[in-house]
Amino acid sequence: MCGSLAEYTTVEEKVLALKPKNLSFAKAASLPVAIEIAYGELESAGPSAGKSLLVLGGAGEVGSFIIQVYAAATVFLVPILERKGNFLR
């Protein structure tokens, strides 16, 4: 994770986004880490058209990013619905 855990880092202005008002700075700062983990795991799993993907913890940060990224693809997603099941619908 290149720079995602640093206290300070430099980036190009074009890759910046405004922090949503409803997120704390800590929560907003954690999003790139969750995205990077989700992307890395999906890349290693190699989901493709016609394959099923079981998403455990789909209501969490990493699981929800996995669902968002691959919901647009032709991959069949199978989230596990538990307490936060309504979040996934």
PDB file of N, CA and C in Angstrom:
ATOM      1  N   MET A   1       0.843  -1.161   0.000  1.00  0.00           N
ATOM      2  CA  MET A   1       0.000   0.000   0.000  1.00  0.00           C
ATOM      3  C   MET A   1       0.895   1.233   0.000  1.00  0.00           C
ATOM      4  N   CYS A   2       1.059   1.772  -1.101  1.00  0.00           N
ATOM      5  CA  CYS A   2       2.014   2.854  -1.296  1.00  0.00           C
ATOM      6  C   CYS A   2       1.465   4.191  -0.788  1.00  0.00           C
ATOM      7  N   GLY A   3       1.853   4.589   0.419  1.00  0.00           N
ATOM      8  CA  GLY A   3       1.466   5.887   0.942  1.00  0.00           C
ATOM      9  C   GLY A   3       0.101   5.958   1.598  1.00  0.00           C
ATOM     10  N   SER A   4      -0.678   4.892   1.567  1.00  0.00           N
ATOM     11  CA  SER A   4      -2.029   4.985   2.119  1.00  0.00           C
ATOM     12  C   SER A   4      -2.034   4.999   3.645  1.00  0.00           C
ATOM     13  N   LEU A   5      -0.955   4.599   4.267  1.00  0.00           N
ATOM     14  CA  LEU A   5      -0.887   4.611   5.723  1.00  0.00           C
ATOM     15  C   LEU A   5      -0.008   5.744   6.245  1.00  0.00           C
ATOM     16  N   ALA A   6       0.421   6.620   5.382  1.00  0.00           N
ATOM     17  CA  ALA A   6       1.277   7.733   5.790  1.00  0.00           C
ATOM     18  C   ALA A   6       0.451   8.841   6.443  1.00  0.00           C
ATOM     19  N   GLU A   7       1.085   9.557   7.371  1.00  0.00           N
ATOM     20  CA  GLU A   7       0.413  10.700   7.984  1.00  0.00           C
ATOM     21  C   GLU A   7       0.312  11.846   6.990  1.00  0.00           C
ATOM     22  N   TYR A   8       1.356  12.038   6.200  1.00  0.00           N
ATOM     23  CA  TYR A   8       1.380  13.060   5.157  1.00  0.00           C
ATOM     24  C   TYR A   8       1.937  12.449   3.883  1.00  0.00           C
ATOM     25  N   THR A   9       1.440  12.889   2.760  1.00  0.00           N
ATOM     26  CA  THR A   9       1.963  12.443   1.469  1.00  0.00           C
ATOM     27  C   THR A   9       1.631  13.508   0.435  1.00  0.00           C
ATOM     28  N   THR A  10       2.249  13.426  -0.712  1.00  0.00           N
ATOM     29  CA  THR A  10       1.942  14.358  -1.800  1.00  0.00           C
ATOM     30  C   THR A  10       1.232  13.603  -2.915  1.00  0.00           C
ATOM     31  N   VAL A  11       0.275  14.270  -3.525  1.00  0.00           N
ATOM     32  CA  VAL A  11      -0.467  13.685  -4.642  1.00  0.00           C
ATOM     33  C   VAL A  11      -0.751  14.775  -5.663  1.00  0.00           C
ATOM     34  N   GLU A  12      -1.083  14.341  -6.854  1.00  0.00           N
ATOM     35  CA  GLU A  12      -1.489  15.304  -7.874  1.00  0.00           C
ATOM     36  C   GLU A  12      -2.905  15.782  -7.564  1.00  0.00           C
ATOM     37  N   GLU A  13      -3.153  17.047  -7.839  1.00  0.00           N
ATOM     38  CA  GLU A  13      -4.455  17.652  -7.534  1.00  0.00           C
ATOM     39  C   GLU A  13      -5.607  16.931  -8.234  1.00  0.00           C
ATOM     40  N   LYS A  14      -5.368  16.405  -9.428  1.00  0.00           N
ATOM     41  CA  LYS A  14      -6.441  15.768 -10.195  1.00  0.00           C
ATOM     42  C   LYS A  14      -6.968  14.488  -9.558  1.00  0.00           C
ATOM     43  N   VAL A  15      -6.232  13.891  -8.608  1.00  0.00           N
ATOM     44  CA  VAL A  15      -6.698  12.656  -7.974  1.00  0.00           C
ATOM     45  C   VAL A  15      -7.390  12.907  -6.631  1.00  0.00           C
ATOM     46  N   LEU A  16      -7.539  14.168  -6.266  1.00  0.00           N
ATOM     47  CA  LEU A  16      -8.183  14.506  -4.999  1.00  0.00           C
ATOM     48  C   LEU A  16      -9.697  14.631  -5.159  1.00  0.00           C
ATOM     49  N   ALA A  17     -10.399  14.409  -4.072  1.00  0.00           N
ATOM     50  CA  ALA A  17     -11.850  14.578  -4.047  1.00  0.00           C
ATOM     51  C   ALA A  17     -12.228  15.231  -2.729  1.00  0.00           C
ATOM     52  N   LEU A  18     -13.336  15.920  -2.704  1.00  0.00           N
ATOM     53  CA  LEU A  18     -13.814  16.529  -1.472  1.00  0.00           C
ATOM     54  C   LEU A  18     -14.341  15.458  -0.520  1.00  0.00           C
ATOM     55  N   LYS A  19     -14.084  15.632   0.761  1.00  0.00           N
ATOM     56  CA  LYS A  19     -14.591  14.721   1.775  1.00  0.00           C
ATOM     57  C   LYS A  19     -16.077  14.986   1.960  1.00  0.00           C
ATOM     58  N   PRO A  20     -16.915  13.957   1.879  1.00  0.00           N
ATOM     59  CA  PRO A  20     -18.342  14.163   2.141  1.00  0.00           C
ATOM     60  C   PRO A  20     -18.558  14.692   3.556  1.00  0.00           C
ATOM     61  N   LYS A  21     -19.487  15.602   3.731  1.00  0.00           N
ATOM     62  CA  LYS A  21     -19.714  16.236   5.028  1.00  0.00           C
ATOM     63  C   LYS A  21     -20.161  15.245   6.103  1.00  0.00           C
ATOM     64  N   ASN A  22     -20.801  14.147   5.691  1.00  0.00           N
ATOM     65  CA  ASN A  22     -21.294  13.194   6.675  1.00  0.00           C
ATOM     66  C   ASN A  22     -20.222  12.207   7.153  1.00  0.00           C
ATOM     67  N   LEU A  23     -19.005  12.271   6.620  1.00  0.00           N
ATOM     68  CA  LEU A  23     -17.918  11.391   7.043  1.00  0.00           C
ATOM     69  C   LEU A  23     -16.930  12.143   7.917  1.00  0.00           C
ATOM     70  N   SER A  24     -16.455  11.466   8.956  1.00  0.00           N
ATOM     71  CA  SER A  24     -15.384  12.048   9.762  1.00  0.00           C
ATOM     72  C   SER A  24     -14.089  11.969   8.954  1.00  0.00           C
ATOM     73  N   PHE A  25     -13.084  12.713   9.388  1.00  0.00           N
ATOM     74  CA  PHE A  25     -11.798  12.651   8.698  1.00  0.00           C
ATOM     75  C   PHE A  25     -11.197  11.247   8.811  1.00  0.00           C
ATOM     76  N   ALA A  26     -11.368  10.610   9.973  1.00  0.00           N
ATOM     77  CA  ALA A  26     -10.831   9.258  10.164  1.00  0.00           C
ATOM     78  C   ALA A  26     -11.494   8.262   9.209  1.00  0.00           C
ATOM     79  N   LYS A  27     -12.811   8.345   9.085  1.00  0.00           N
ATOM     80  CA  LYS A  27     -13.545   7.434   8.192  1.00  0.00           C
ATOM     81  C   LYS A  27     -13.152   7.680   6.733  1.00  0.00           C
ATOM     82  N   ALA A  28     -13.081   8.942   6.344  1.00  0.00           N
ATOM     83  CA  ALA A  28     -12.698   9.274   4.970  1.00  0.00           C
ATOM     84  C   ALA A  28     -11.276   8.815   4.677  1.00  0.00           C
ATOM     85  N   ALA A  29     -10.394   8.910   5.663  1.00  0.00           N
ATOM     86  CA  ALA A  29      -9.008   8.492   5.466  1.00  0.00           C
ATOM     87  C   ALA A  29      -8.882   6.979   5.334  1.00  0.00           C
ATOM     88  N   SER A  30      -9.836   6.239   5.901  1.00  0.00           N
ATOM     89  CA  SER A  30      -9.760   4.775   5.832  1.00  0.00           C
ATOM     90  C   SER A  30     -10.266   4.211   4.506  1.00  0.00           C
ATOM     91  N   LEU A  31     -11.024   4.974   3.760  1.00  0.00           N
ATOM     92  CA  LEU A  31     -11.615   4.470   2.514  1.00  0.00           C
ATOM     93  C   LEU A  31     -10.584   4.005   1.487  1.00  0.00           C
ATOM     94  N   PRO A  32      -9.502   4.744   1.255  1.00  0.00           N
ATOM     95  CA  PRO A  32      -8.531   4.250   0.266  1.00  0.00           C
ATOM     96  C   PRO A  32      -7.916   2.902   0.642  1.00  0.00           C
ATOM     97  N   VAL A  33      -7.738   2.663   1.937  1.00  0.00           N
ATOM     98  CA  VAL A  33      -7.185   1.382   2.384  1.00  0.00           C
ATOM     99  C   VAL A  33      -8.171   0.260   2.069  1.00  0.00           C
ATOM    100  N   ALA A  34      -9.454   0.464   2.365  1.00  0.00           N
ATOM    101  CA  ALA A  34     -10.473  -0.547   2.083  1.00  0.00           C
ATOM    102  C   ALA A  34     -10.590  -0.810   0.581  1.00  0.00           C
ATOM    103  N   ILE A  35     -10.533   0.240  -0.214  1.00  0.00           N
ATOM    104  CA  ILE A  35     -10.607   0.086  -1.668  1.00  0.00           C
ATOM    105  C   ILE A  35      -9.415  -0.703  -2.178  1.00  0.00           C
ATOM    106  N   GLU A  36      -8.237  -0.392  -1.669  1.00  0.00           N
ATOM    107  CA  GLU A  36      -7.022  -1.082  -2.114  1.00  0.00           C
ATOM    108  C   GLU A  36      -7.056  -2.561  -1.736  1.00  0.00           C
ATOM    109  N   ILE A  37      -7.545  -2.863  -0.532  1.00  0.00           N
ATOM    110  CA  ILE A  37      -7.667  -4.264  -0.106  1.00  0.00           C
ATOM    111  C   ILE A  37      -8.676  -4.994  -0.992  1.00  0.00           C
ATOM    112  N   ALA A  38      -9.842  -4.386  -1.215  1.00  0.00           N
ATOM    113  CA  ALA A  38     -10.874  -5.015  -2.047  1.00  0.00           C
ATOM    114  C   ALA A  38     -10.359  -5.271  -3.453  1.00  0.00           C
ATOM    115  N   TYR A  39      -9.714  -4.278  -4.036  1.00  0.00           N
ATOM    116  CA  TYR A  39      -9.205  -4.431  -5.394  1.00  0.00           C
ATOM    117  C   TYR A  39      -8.148  -5.532  -5.469  1.00  0.00           C
ATOM    118  N   GLY A  40      -7.253  -5.557  -4.507  1.00  0.00           N
ATOM    119  CA  GLY A  40      -6.207  -6.583  -4.497  1.00  0.00           C
ATOM    120  C   GLY A  40      -6.763  -7.986  -4.356  1.00  0.00           C
ATOM    121  N   GLU A  41      -7.756  -8.138  -3.481  1.00  0.00           N
ATOM    122  CA  GLU A  41      -8.370  -9.452  -3.291  1.00  0.00           C
ATOM    123  C   GLU A  41      -9.138  -9.897  -4.531  1.00  0.00           C
ATOM    124  N   LEU A  42      -9.853  -8.977  -5.143  1.00  0.00           N
ATOM    125  CA  LEU A  42     -10.590  -9.324  -6.355  1.00  0.00           C
ATOM    126  C   LEU A  42      -9.643  -9.678  -7.492  1.00  0.00           C
ATOM    127  N   GLU A  43      -8.550  -8.958  -7.570  1.00  0.00           N
ATOM    128  CA  GLU A  43      -7.570  -9.232  -8.614  1.00  0.00           C
ATOM    129  C   GLU A  43      -6.974 -10.629  -8.433  1.00  0.00           C
ATOM    130  N   SER A  44      -6.707 -11.018  -7.191  1.00  0.00           N
ATOM    131  CA  SER A  44      -6.136 -12.345  -6.953  1.00  0.00           C
ATOM    132  C   SER A  44      -7.174 -13.453  -7.128  1.00  0.00           C
ATOM    133  N   ALA A  45      -8.457 -13.155  -6.845  1.00  0.00           N
ATOM    134  CA  ALA A  45      -9.518 -14.155  -7.027  1.00  0.00           C
ATOM    135  C   ALA A  45      -9.830 -14.377  -8.500  1.00  0.00           C
ATOM    136  N   GLY A  46      -9.655 -13.343  -9.296  1.00  0.00           N
ATOM    137  CA  GLY A  46      -9.880 -13.456 -10.734  1.00  0.00           C
ATOM    138  C   GLY A  46     -11.302 -13.751 -11.143  1.00  0.00           C
ATOM    139  N   PRO A  47     -12.306 -13.075 -10.567  1.00  0.00           N
ATOM    140  CA  PRO A  47     -13.676 -13.339 -11.008  1.00  0.00           C
ATOM    141  C   PRO A  47     -13.880 -12.916 -12.462  1.00  0.00           C
ATOM    142  N   SER A  48     -14.712 -13.658 -13.152  1.00  0.00           N
ATOM    143  CA  SER A  48     -14.995 -13.347 -14.552  1.00  0.00           C
ATOM    144  C   SER A  48     -16.415 -13.764 -14.873  1.00  0.00           C
ATOM    145  N   ALA A  49     -16.857 -13.427 -16.056  1.00  0.00           N
ATOM    146  CA  ALA A  49     -18.215 -13.749 -16.485  1.00  0.00           C
ATOM    147  C   ALA A  49     -18.467 -15.246 -16.345  1.00  0.00           C
ATOM    148  N   GLY A  50     -19.621 -15.569 -15.801  1.00  0.00           N
ATOM    149  CA  GLY A  50     -19.998 -16.968 -15.645  1.00  0.00           C
ATOM    150  C   GLY A  50     -19.559 -17.577 -14.331  1.00  0.00           C
ATOM    151  N   LYS A  51     -18.718 -16.887 -13.557  1.00  0.00           N
ATOM    152  CA  LYS A  51     -18.269 -17.393 -12.262  1.00  0.00           C
ATOM    153  C   LYS A  51     -19.084 -16.739 -11.162  1.00  0.00           C
ATOM    154  N   SER A  52     -19.319 -17.471 -10.086  1.00  0.00           N
ATOM    155  CA  SER A  52     -19.997 -16.914  -8.913  1.00  0.00           C
ATOM    156  C   SER A  52     -18.954 -16.375  -7.948  1.00  0.00           C
ATOM    157  N   LEU A  53     -19.343 -15.374  -7.175  1.00  0.00           N
ATOM    158  CA  LEU A  53     -18.451 -14.775  -6.193  1.00  0.00           C
ATOM    159  C   LEU A  53     -19.204 -14.654  -4.884  1.00  0.00           C
ATOM    160  N   LEU A  54     -18.758 -15.374  -3.867  1.00  0.00           N
ATOM    161  CA  LEU A  54     -19.373 -15.330  -2.549  1.00  0.00           C
ATOM    162  C   LEU A  54     -18.724 -14.192  -1.768  1.00  0.00           C
ATOM    163  N   VAL A  55     -19.520 -13.228  -1.314  1.00  0.00           N
ATOM    164  CA  VAL A  55     -19.007 -12.068  -0.582  1.00  0.00           C
ATOM    165  C   VAL A  55     -19.414 -12.205   0.877  1.00  0.00           C
ATOM    166  N   LEU A  56     -18.466 -12.579   1.719  1.00  0.00           N
ATOM    167  CA  LEU A  56     -18.718 -12.657   3.157  1.00  0.00           C
ATOM    168  C   LEU A  56     -18.479 -11.277   3.751  1.00  0.00           C
ATOM    169  N   GLY A  57     -19.387 -10.799   4.551  1.00  0.00           N
ATOM    170  CA  GLY A  57     -19.242  -9.468   5.127  1.00  0.00           C
ATOM    171  C   GLY A  57     -19.482  -8.375   4.103  1.00  0.00           C
ATOM    172  N   GLY A  58     -20.459  -8.577   3.252  1.00  0.00           N
ATOM    173  CA  GLY A  58     -20.739  -7.629   2.181  1.00  0.00           C
ATOM    174  C   GLY A  58     -21.216  -6.268   2.642  1.00  0.00           C
ATOM    175  N   ALA A  59     -21.596  -6.132   3.908  1.00  0.00           N
ATOM    176  CA  ALA A  59     -22.041  -4.832   4.415  1.00  0.00           C
ATOM    177  C   ALA A  59     -20.897  -4.028   5.022  1.00  0.00           C
ATOM    178  N   GLY A  60     -19.716  -4.627   5.117  1.00  0.00           N
ATOM    179  CA  GLY A  60     -18.555  -3.905   5.624  1.00  0.00           C
ATOM    180  C   GLY A  60     -17.909  -3.073   4.534  1.00  0.00           C
ATOM    181  N   GLU A  61     -16.848  -2.346   4.898  1.00  0.00           N
ATOM    182  CA  GLU A  61     -16.198  -1.469   3.915  1.00  0.00           C
ATOM    183  C   GLU A  61     -15.649  -2.248   2.728  1.00  0.00           C
ATOM    184  N   VAL A  62     -14.818  -3.252   2.987  1.00  0.00           N
ATOM    185  CA  VAL A  62     -14.190  -3.997   1.896  1.00  0.00           C
ATOM    186  C   VAL A  62     -15.242  -4.754   1.094  1.00  0.00           C
ATOM    187  N   GLY A  63     -16.155  -5.448   1.782  1.00  0.00           N
ATOM    188  CA  GLY A  63     -17.197  -6.201   1.092  1.00  0.00           C
ATOM    189  C   GLY A  63     -18.092  -5.330   0.241  1.00  0.00           C
ATOM    190  N   SER A  64     -18.439  -4.145   0.749  1.00  0.00           N
ATOM    191  CA  SER A  64     -19.309  -3.271  -0.038  1.00  0.00           C
ATOM    192  C   SER A  64     -18.590  -2.736  -1.273  1.00  0.00           C
ATOM    193  N   PHE A  65     -17.284  -2.514  -1.178  1.00  0.00           N
ATOM    194  CA  PHE A  65     -16.534  -2.096  -2.367  1.00  0.00           C
ATOM    195  C   PHE A  65     -16.464  -3.226  -3.388  1.00  0.00           C
ATOM    196  N   ILE A  66     -16.303  -4.449  -2.915  1.00  0.00           N
ATOM    197  CA  ILE A  66     -16.294  -5.596  -3.834  1.00  0.00           C
ATOM    198  C   ILE A  66     -17.616  -5.668  -4.578  1.00  0.00           C
ATOM    199  N   ILE A  67     -18.713  -5.524  -3.855  1.00  0.00           N
ATOM    200  CA  ILE A  67     -20.034  -5.578  -4.482  1.00  0.00           C
ATOM    201  C   ILE A  67     -20.215  -4.448  -5.489  1.00  0.00           C
ATOM    202  N   GLN A  68     -19.810  -3.239  -5.117  1.00  0.00           N
ATOM    203  CA  GLN A  68     -19.964  -2.094  -6.017  1.00  0.00           C
ATOM    204  C   GLN A  68     -19.144  -2.253  -7.288  1.00  0.00           C
ATOM    205  N   VAL A  69     -17.915  -2.711  -7.153  1.00  0.00           N
ATOM    206  CA  VAL A  69     -17.024  -2.832  -8.312  1.00  0.00           C
ATOM    207  C   VAL A  69     -17.534  -3.893  -9.276  1.00  0.00           C
ATOM    208  N   TYR A  70     -17.965  -5.033  -8.750  1.00  0.00           N
ATOM    209  CA  TYR A  70     -18.344  -6.137  -9.628  1.00  0.00           C
ATOM    210  C   TYR A  70     -19.831  -6.254  -9.909  1.00  0.00           C
ATOM    211  N   ALA A  71     -20.652  -5.409  -9.282  1.00  0.00           N
ATOM    212  CA  ALA A  71     -22.085  -5.428  -9.589  1.00  0.00           C
ATOM    213  C   ALA A  71     -22.327  -4.968 -11.023  1.00  0.00           C
ATOM    214  N   ALA A  72     -21.472  -4.086 -11.512  1.00  0.00           N
ATOM    215  CA  ALA A  72     -21.616  -3.587 -12.879  1.00  0.00           C
ATOM    216  C   ALA A  72     -21.102  -4.597 -13.903  1.00  0.00           C
ATOM    217  N   ALA A  73     -20.289  -5.538 -13.450  1.00  0.00           N
ATOM    218  CA  ALA A  73     -19.747  -6.550 -14.360  1.00  0.00           C
ATOM    219  C   ALA A  73     -20.766  -7.678 -14.520  1.00  0.00           C
ATOM    220  N   THR A  74     -20.429  -8.659 -15.306  1.00  0.00           N
ATOM    221  CA  THR A  74     -21.332  -9.792 -15.533  1.00  0.00           C
ATOM    222  C   THR A  74     -21.030 -10.932 -14.577  1.00  0.00           C
ATOM    223  N   VAL A  75     -20.531 -10.609 -13.397  1.00  0.00           N
ATOM    224  CA  VAL A  75     -20.233 -11.616 -12.387  1.00  0.00           C
ATOM    225  C   VAL A  75     -21.444 -11.752 -11.473  1.00  0.00           C
ATOM    226  N   PHE A  76     -21.826 -12.977 -11.172  1.00  0.00           N
ATOM    227  CA  PHE A  76     -22.956 -13.235 -10.287  1.00  0.00           C
ATOM    228  C   PHE A  76     -22.471 -13.142  -8.845  1.00  0.00           C
ATOM    229  N   LEU A  77     -22.994 -12.178  -8.086  1.00  0.00           N
ATOM    230  CA  LEU A  77     -22.579 -11.962  -6.706  1.00  0.00           C
ATOM    231  C   LEU A  77     -23.534 -12.639  -5.749  1.00  0.00           C
ATOM    232  N   VAL A  78     -22.983 -13.264  -4.711  1.00  0.00           N
ATOM    233  CA  VAL A  78     -23.787 -13.910  -3.690  1.00  0.00           C
ATOM    234  C   VAL A  78     -23.381 -13.340  -2.340  1.00  0.00           C
ATOM    235  N   PRO A  79     -23.984 -12.220  -1.909  1.00  0.00           N
ATOM    236  CA  PRO A  79     -23.643 -11.687  -0.590  1.00  0.00           C
ATOM    237  C   PRO A  79     -24.319 -12.490   0.510  1.00  0.00           C
ATOM    238  N   ILE A  80     -23.647 -12.606   1.630  1.00  0.00           N
ATOM    239  CA  ILE A  80     -24.233 -13.268   2.795  1.00  0.00           C
ATOM    240  C   ILE A  80     -25.010 -12.214   3.575  1.00  0.00           C
ATOM    241  N   LEU A  81     -26.302 -12.436   3.752  1.00  0.00           N
ATOM    242  CA  LEU A  81     -27.158 -11.467   4.445  1.00  0.00           C
ATOM    243  C   LEU A  81     -27.287 -11.846   5.913  1.00  0.00           C
ATOM    244  N   GLU A  82     -26.901 -10.922   6.768  1.00  0.00           N
ATOM    245  CA  GLU A  82     -27.067 -11.132   8.202  1.00  0.00           C
ATOM    246  C   GLU A  82     -27.717  -9.909   8.795  1.00  0.00           C
ATOM    247  N   ARG A  83     -27.183  -9.382   9.877  1.00  0.00           N
ATOM    248  CA  ARG A  83     -27.793  -8.225  10.545  1.00  0.00           C
ATOM    249  C   ARG A  83     -27.909  -7.018   9.629  1.00  0.00           C
ATOM    250  N   LYS A  84     -26.927  -6.786   8.802  1.00  0.00           N
ATOM    251  CA  LYS A  84     -26.928  -5.609   7.938  1.00  0.00           C
ATOM    252  C   LYS A  84     -27.488  -5.930   6.560  1.00  0.00           C
ATOM    253  N   GLY A  85     -28.269  -6.973   6.451  1.00  0.00           N
ATOM    254  CA  GLY A  85     -28.786  -7.424   5.173  1.00  0.00           C
ATOM    255  C   GLY A  85     -29.548  -6.383   4.392  1.00  0.00           C
ATOM    256  N   ASN A  86     -30.281  -5.511   5.061  1.00  0.00           N
ATOM    257  CA  ASN A  86     -31.048  -4.485   4.366  1.00  0.00           C
ATOM    258  C   ASN A  86     -30.141  -3.519   3.624  1.00  0.00           C
ATOM    259  N   PHE A  87     -28.923  -3.327   4.121  1.00  0.00           N
ATOM    260  CA  PHE A  87     -27.950  -2.447   3.462  1.00  0.00           C
ATOM    261  C   PHE A  87     -27.615  -2.964   2.072  1.00  0.00           C
ATOM    262  N   LEU A  88     -27.649  -4.269   1.882  1.00  0.00           N
ATOM    263  CA  LEU A  88     -27.234  -4.882   0.617  1.00  0.00           C
ATOM    264  C   LEU A  88     -28.327  -4.902  -0.428  1.00  0.00           C
ATOM    265  N   ARG A  89     -29.555  -4.620  -0.075  1.00  0.00           N
ATOM    266  CA  ARG A  89     -30.656  -4.731  -1.028  1.00  0.00           C
ATOM    267  C   ARG A  89     -30.826  -3.493  -1.855  1.00  0.00           C
TER     268      ARG A  89
END
